[in-house]
N, C-alpha and C. Protein backbone atom coordinates (compact mmCIF):
# COMPACT_ATOMS: atom_id res chain seq x y z
N MET A 1 0.74 -1.26 0.07
CA MET A 1 -0.09 -0.05 0.00
C MET A 1 0.70 1.17 0.04
N LYS A 2 0.57 2.23 -0.70
CA LYS A 2 1.09 3.62 -0.76
C LYS A 2 0.45 4.47 -0.24
N TRP A 3 1.10 5.40 0.01
CA TRP A 3 0.85 6.79 0.36
C TRP A 3 1.27 8.13 -0.01
N THR A 4 0.47 9.30 -0.57
CA THR A 4 1.64 9.88 -1.39
C THR A 4 1.21 11.62 -0.46
N ALA A 5 2.40 12.35 -0.09
CA ALA A 5 2.16 13.44 0.15
C ALA A 5 2.90 14.40 -0.27
N THR A 6 2.34 15.62 -0.68
CA THR A 6 2.92 16.43 -1.18
C THR A 6 3.74 17.68 -0.31
N ILE A 7 4.89 18.55 -0.52
CA ILE A 7 5.58 19.00 0.10
C ILE A 7 4.98 20.52 0.10
N LYS A 8 4.26 21.19 0.88
CA LYS A 8 3.94 22.55 0.85
C LYS A 8 4.57 23.72 1.43
N LYS A 9 5.56 22.90 2.16
CA LYS A 9 6.47 24.48 2.63
C LYS A 9 7.31 23.48 3.83
N ILE A 10 8.79 24.53 3.37
CA ILE A 10 9.98 24.12 3.86
C ILE A 10 10.15 25.11 5.16
N GLY A 11 10.47 24.99 6.24
CA GLY A 11 10.68 25.77 7.04
C GLY A 11 11.78 26.26 6.83
N LYS A 12 12.44 27.58 7.39
CA LYS A 12 14.02 27.97 7.39
C LYS A 12 14.82 27.17 7.82
N LYS A 13 14.42 26.62 8.87
CA LYS A 13 15.40 25.42 9.25
C LYS A 13 15.03 24.34 9.56
N ALA A 14 14.54 23.76 8.34
CA ALA A 14 13.82 22.29 8.24
C ALA A 14 14.78 21.33 7.80
N VAL A 15 15.58 21.51 7.29
CA VAL A 15 16.80 20.77 6.36
C VAL A 15 18.17 20.99 6.91
N ASP A 16 18.84 20.34 7.36
CA ASP A 16 20.16 20.60 7.67
C ASP A 16 21.05 19.51 7.46
N ALA A 17 21.86 19.74 6.55
CA ALA A 17 22.60 18.12 6.29
C ALA A 17 23.36 17.86 7.29
N ARG A 18 24.12 18.28 8.07
CA ARG A 18 24.80 18.03 9.17
C ARG A 18 24.06 17.18 10.39
N ASP A 19 22.76 17.43 10.37
CA ASP A 19 22.07 17.11 11.22
C ASP A 19 21.52 15.39 10.80
N GLN A 20 21.54 15.42 9.26
CA GLN A 20 20.88 14.47 8.75
C GLN A 20 19.52 14.02 9.29
N MET A 21 18.63 15.05 9.96
CA MET A 21 17.60 14.66 10.37
C MET A 21 16.11 15.58 9.62
N VAL A 22 15.14 15.64 9.51
CA VAL A 22 13.96 16.01 9.04
C VAL A 22 12.75 16.05 10.02
N ILE A 23 11.59 17.15 10.34
CA ILE A 23 10.80 16.81 10.95
C ILE A 23 9.68 17.28 10.13
N LEU A 24 8.38 16.41 10.12
CA LEU A 24 7.62 16.51 8.98
C LEU A 24 6.52 16.74 9.67
N PHE A 25 5.62 17.62 9.54
CA PHE A 25 4.28 17.95 9.83
C PHE A 25 3.27 18.01 8.66
N GLY A 26 1.75 17.91 9.30
CA GLY A 26 0.92 18.21 8.28
C GLY A 26 0.65 19.69 8.29
N GLU A 27 -0.34 20.44 7.49
CA GLU A 27 -0.78 21.35 7.61
C GLU A 27 -1.30 22.08 8.60
N GLY A 28 -1.16 22.95 8.91
CA GLY A 28 -2.08 23.81 10.39
C GLY A 28 -1.45 23.68 11.89
N THR A 29 0.00 23.28 11.54
CA THR A 29 0.89 23.29 13.03
C THR A 29 1.12 24.61 12.85
N ASN A 30 1.57 25.34 14.26
CA ASN A 30 1.90 26.37 14.50
C ASN A 30 3.41 26.82 13.87
N GLN A 31 3.64 28.18 13.89
CA GLN A 31 4.36 28.96 13.14
C GLN A 31 5.82 28.50 13.70
N ASP A 32 6.17 28.14 15.04
CA ASP A 32 7.63 27.82 15.89
C ASP A 32 7.63 26.43 15.23
N LEU A 33 6.96 25.51 14.90
CA LEU A 33 7.18 24.23 14.72
C LEU A 33 6.98 24.42 12.86
N GLU A 34 6.39 25.24 12.27
CA GLU A 34 6.69 25.48 10.71
C GLU A 34 8.17 25.88 10.25
N ASP A 35 8.71 26.45 11.41
CA ASP A 35 10.15 27.11 10.74
C ASP A 35 11.16 26.05 10.91
N VAL A 36 10.82 24.75 11.60
CA VAL A 36 11.74 23.57 11.57
C VAL A 36 11.08 22.44 11.08
N SER A 37 10.63 22.73 10.20
CA SER A 37 9.57 21.09 9.82
C SER A 37 9.35 21.52 8.15
N VAL A 38 9.16 20.36 7.62
CA VAL A 38 8.83 20.19 6.09
C VAL A 38 7.43 19.75 6.40
N ILE A 39 6.40 20.55 5.96
CA ILE A 39 4.87 20.48 5.96
C ILE A 39 4.73 19.91 4.61
N GLN A 40 3.99 18.84 4.94
CA GLN A 40 3.29 18.10 3.81
C GLN A 40 1.84 17.76 4.23
N LYS A 41 1.22 17.53 2.81
CA LYS A 41 -0.16 17.41 2.86
C LYS A 41 -0.71 15.77 1.77
N PHE A 42 -1.19 14.97 2.33
CA PHE A 42 -1.53 14.00 1.81
C PHE A 42 -2.72 13.86 0.53
N ASP A 43 -2.44 13.18 -0.15
CA ASP A 43 -3.20 13.17 -1.27
C ASP A 43 -4.52 12.55 -0.69
N SER A 44 -5.72 13.11 -1.21
CA SER A 44 -6.93 12.58 -0.92
C SER A 44 -7.31 11.33 -1.60
N LYS A 45 -6.81 10.74 -2.37
CA LYS A 45 -6.84 9.25 -3.06
C LYS A 45 -5.73 8.43 -1.86
N THR A 46 -5.09 8.86 -1.00
CA THR A 46 -4.41 8.17 0.01
C THR A 46 -4.39 8.75 1.33
N PRO A 47 -5.53 8.50 1.71
CA PRO A 47 -5.62 9.65 3.10
C PRO A 47 -4.75 8.64 4.02
N VAL A 48 -4.60 9.99 4.68
CA VAL A 48 -3.50 9.35 5.95
C VAL A 48 -4.06 8.94 7.17
N SER A 49 -5.52 8.87 6.87
CA SER A 49 -6.44 7.99 7.97
C SER A 49 -5.82 6.36 7.86
N GLY A 50 -5.54 6.13 6.76
CA GLY A 50 -5.19 4.68 6.77
C GLY A 50 -3.37 4.11 6.75
N PHE A 51 -2.87 5.14 7.75
CA PHE A 51 -1.17 5.06 6.96
C PHE A 51 -0.85 3.57 8.01
N VAL A 52 -0.24 3.37 7.40
CA VAL A 52 0.75 2.26 8.10
C VAL A 52 2.27 2.11 7.66
N PHE A 53 3.01 1.99 8.64
CA PHE A 53 4.41 1.78 8.41
C PHE A 53 5.20 1.11 9.26
N LYS A 54 6.10 0.36 8.94
CA LYS A 54 6.25 -0.73 9.77
C LYS A 54 8.49 -0.77 9.39
N LYS A 55 8.93 -1.31 10.16
CA LYS A 55 10.11 -1.47 9.69
C LYS A 55 10.55 -2.35 8.45
N GLY A 56 11.44 -2.13 7.49
CA GLY A 56 11.34 -2.44 6.29
C GLY A 56 10.66 -1.73 5.36
N ASP A 57 9.47 -1.03 5.48
CA ASP A 57 8.85 -0.10 4.52
C ASP A 57 9.99 1.18 3.83
N THR A 58 9.09 1.63 3.17
CA THR A 58 10.14 2.83 2.32
C THR A 58 9.21 4.09 2.10
N ILE A 59 10.31 5.16 2.39
CA ILE A 59 10.14 5.99 1.72
C ILE A 59 10.65 6.64 0.39
N THR A 60 10.40 7.45 -0.68
CA THR A 60 11.20 7.85 -1.73
C THR A 60 10.70 9.72 -1.87
N VAL A 61 11.55 10.03 -1.31
CA VAL A 61 12.12 11.46 -1.61
C VAL A 61 13.22 12.04 -2.93
N ASP A 62 12.61 12.92 -3.71
CA ASP A 62 13.51 13.31 -4.88
C ASP A 62 13.97 12.08 -5.63
N GLY A 63 13.77 10.90 -6.17
CA GLY A 63 13.82 10.06 -6.52
C GLY A 63 14.53 8.99 -6.04
N THR A 64 14.92 9.15 -4.65
CA THR A 64 15.59 8.28 -4.11
C THR A 64 14.81 7.36 -2.52
N THR A 65 15.07 5.88 -2.71
CA THR A 65 14.00 5.44 -1.77
C THR A 65 14.87 5.04 -0.80
N TYR A 66 14.29 5.12 0.41
CA TYR A 66 15.04 4.69 1.84
C TYR A 66 14.22 3.87 2.72
N ILE A 67 15.00 3.01 3.26
CA ILE A 67 14.76 1.62 3.69
C ILE A 67 14.56 1.84 5.26
N ALA A 68 13.07 1.72 5.69
CA ALA A 68 13.16 1.95 7.31
C ALA A 68 13.75 0.91 8.05
N ASP A 69 14.53 1.20 9.11
CA ASP A 69 15.56 0.11 9.76
C ASP A 69 14.85 0.69 11.07
N TYR A 70 14.07 1.26 11.60
CA TYR A 70 13.22 1.46 12.68
C TYR A 70 12.09 2.18 12.38
N VAL A 71 10.98 2.03 12.94
CA VAL A 71 9.84 2.74 13.19
C VAL A 71 9.59 3.10 14.40
N GLY A 72 9.28 3.92 15.30
CA GLY A 72 9.07 4.22 16.50
C GLY A 72 7.38 3.73 16.63
N PRO A 73 7.00 3.33 18.01
CA PRO A 73 5.66 3.01 18.42
C PRO A 73 4.78 4.02 18.19
N MET A 74 5.23 5.44 17.93
CA MET A 74 4.26 6.52 17.87
C MET A 74 3.92 7.02 16.43
N VAL A 75 4.66 6.83 15.53
CA VAL A 75 4.86 7.08 14.39
C VAL A 75 3.60 7.32 13.60
N GLU A 76 2.79 5.70 13.54
CA GLU A 76 1.38 5.52 12.89
C GLU A 76 0.23 6.70 13.10
N SER A 77 0.14 6.83 14.79
CA SER A 77 -0.95 7.55 15.26
C SER A 77 -0.52 8.88 15.15
N ASN A 78 0.96 9.56 15.51
CA ASN A 78 1.12 10.79 14.96
C ASN A 78 0.79 11.39 14.16
N MET A 79 1.20 10.60 12.82
CA MET A 79 1.04 10.72 11.61
C MET A 79 -0.44 10.96 10.77
N LYS A 80 -1.45 9.90 11.67
CA LYS A 80 -2.62 10.09 11.33
C LYS A 80 -3.23 11.63 11.76
N ALA A 81 -2.91 11.70 13.23
CA ALA A 81 -3.12 13.05 14.03
C ALA A 81 -2.67 14.05 13.40
N LEU A 82 -1.13 14.05 13.16
CA LEU A 82 -0.96 15.43 12.88
C LEU A 82 0.08 15.71 11.33
N GLY A 83 -0.02 14.33 10.74
CA GLY A 83 1.11 14.58 9.55
C GLY A 83 2.55 14.40 10.07
N HIS A 84 2.85 13.85 11.45
CA HIS A 84 3.99 14.14 11.96
C HIS A 84 5.23 12.74 12.32
N ALA A 85 6.29 12.81 11.73
CA ALA A 85 7.29 11.87 12.36
C ALA A 85 8.71 12.56 11.93
N THR A 86 9.61 12.17 12.63
CA THR A 86 11.06 12.89 12.47
C THR A 86 11.76 11.93 11.89
N LEU A 87 12.29 12.25 10.71
CA LEU A 87 13.04 10.88 9.90
C LEU A 87 14.69 11.27 10.17
N PHE A 88 15.70 10.25 10.14
CA PHE A 88 16.80 10.24 10.54
C PHE A 88 17.31 9.57 9.36
N PHE A 89 17.97 10.12 8.97
CA PHE A 89 18.74 9.35 7.74
C PHE A 89 20.40 9.18 8.16
N ASN A 90 20.97 7.95 7.67
CA ASN A 90 22.57 7.66 8.16
C ASN A 90 22.90 7.91 9.10
N ARG A 91 21.99 7.27 9.83
CA ARG A 91 22.14 7.02 11.54
C ARG A 91 21.84 5.83 11.91
N LYS A 92 22.70 5.34 12.85
CA LYS A 92 22.54 4.16 13.62
C LYS A 92 21.33 4.18 14.30
N VAL A 93 20.39 3.46 14.75
CA VAL A 93 19.58 3.55 15.80
C VAL A 93 20.38 3.27 17.01
N PRO A 94 19.69 4.46 17.69
CA PRO A 94 20.17 4.68 19.10
C PRO A 94 19.61 3.44 20.11
N LYS A 95 20.30 3.38 21.13
CA LYS A 95 19.91 2.63 22.34
C LYS A 95 18.63 3.03 22.85
N ALA A 96 18.12 4.17 22.52
CA ALA A 96 16.91 5.08 23.33
C ALA A 96 16.21 5.54 22.13
N PRO A 97 15.90 4.80 20.83
CA PRO A 97 15.29 5.76 19.93
C PRO A 97 14.12 6.45 20.24
N LEU A 98 13.71 7.62 19.60
CA LEU A 98 12.64 8.63 19.58
C LEU A 98 11.31 7.50 19.19
N ALA A 99 10.36 7.78 19.91
CA ALA A 99 9.09 7.26 19.71
C ALA A 99 8.24 7.83 18.61
N ASN A 100 8.86 8.53 18.04
CA ASN A 100 8.12 9.23 16.95
C ASN A 100 9.15 9.40 15.67
N ALA A 101 10.13 8.68 15.83
CA ALA A 101 11.16 8.85 14.70
C ALA A 101 11.22 7.54 13.68
N ILE A 102 11.65 7.64 12.68
CA ILE A 102 11.83 6.64 11.43
C ILE A 102 13.17 6.84 11.10
N TYR A 103 14.05 5.52 11.50
CA TYR A 103 15.80 5.86 11.56
C TYR A 103 15.44 4.69 10.11
N PHE A 104 16.37 5.63 9.09
CA PHE A 104 16.61 4.74 7.76
C PHE A 104 18.10 4.31 8.06
N ASP A 105 18.46 2.58 7.09
CA ASP A 105 19.37 1.79 7.16
C ASP A 105 20.46 3.17 6.63
N PRO A 106 21.54 3.01 7.45
CA PRO A 106 22.93 3.97 7.38
C PRO A 106 23.15 3.35 5.67
N ASP A 107 23.46 4.31 5.24
CA ASP A 107 24.20 4.33 3.91
C ASP A 107 24.97 5.36 3.55
N GLU A 108 26.29 5.11 3.55
CA GLU A 108 26.88 6.83 3.58
C GLU A 108 26.86 7.03 2.06
N SER A 109 26.75 6.04 0.95
CA SER A 109 26.57 6.83 -0.43
C SER A 109 24.91 7.53 -0.44
N GLN A 110 24.08 7.19 0.51
CA GLN A 110 23.10 7.99 0.11
C GLN A 110 23.00 9.19 0.91
N ALA A 111 22.97 10.34 0.11
CA ALA A 111 22.99 11.65 1.07
C ALA A 111 21.68 11.99 1.16
N LEU A 112 21.33 12.86 2.05
CA LEU A 112 20.10 13.45 2.67
C LEU A 112 19.38 13.75 1.20
N PRO A 113 17.95 13.52 1.09
CA PRO A 113 17.22 13.67 0.27
C PRO A 113 16.88 15.12 -0.06
N GLN A 114 16.82 15.63 -1.07
CA GLN A 114 16.62 17.34 -1.50
C GLN A 114 14.83 17.18 -1.10
N PHE A 115 14.52 18.17 -0.43
CA PHE A 115 13.30 18.48 -0.40
C PHE A 115 12.96 19.83 -0.97
N LYS A 116 12.00 19.49 -1.68
CA LYS A 116 11.54 20.76 -2.64
C LYS A 116 10.34 20.58 -2.70
N LEU A 117 9.52 22.18 -2.69
CA LEU A 117 8.23 22.61 -2.48
C LEU A 117 7.22 21.53 -3.84
N ASP A 118 6.21 21.50 -3.85
CA ASP A 118 5.56 20.87 -4.55
C ASP A 118 5.95 18.80 -4.94
N ASP A 119 7.05 18.65 -4.27
CA ASP A 119 7.51 17.67 -4.78
C ASP A 119 6.84 16.32 -3.69
N ASP A 120 6.61 15.44 -4.25
CA ASP A 120 5.72 14.14 -3.68
C ASP A 120 6.92 13.23 -2.42
N ILE A 121 6.53 13.00 -1.54
CA ILE A 121 6.92 12.04 -0.57
C ILE A 121 6.21 10.80 -0.80
N VAL A 122 6.75 9.78 -0.89
CA VAL A 122 5.93 8.61 -0.98
C VAL A 122 6.40 7.63 0.26
N TYR A 123 5.16 7.01 0.51
CA TYR A 123 5.28 6.06 1.72
C TYR A 123 4.82 4.87 1.27
N GLU A 124 5.73 3.78 1.29
CA GLU A 124 5.21 2.73 0.69
C GLU A 124 5.11 1.37 1.76
N HIS A 125 4.33 0.67 2.29
CA HIS A 125 4.04 -0.23 3.39
C HIS A 125 4.41 -1.68 2.46
N ILE A 126 5.18 -2.43 2.90
CA ILE A 126 5.66 -3.47 1.80
C ILE A 126 4.84 -4.78 2.17
């Protein structure tokens, strides 16, 4: 099953290649969160209300697919309620991973994706 979200806004401090982290939120979040987040809107054909995401599932951003190594227990409920998750790229899963985070398989050859306005983020539950 696939879900598609379109990037509607990119906060001034949302993407930092050094952190290898991106915070996602749905539309309607407050200004403080918008400044540090990528704002996404799910396609009505793939409503977020049915969102499912587990270890081994993928997201595709800017033509590159990333495989989830860890999906926190709060990811599905936060995504359904707020369009929210925190994405960690090229980081090993820590001993105490964040409950609202998705950690992707560390692959030094994969750069942090380029998040661009009106591009899609495709989530795929395998």
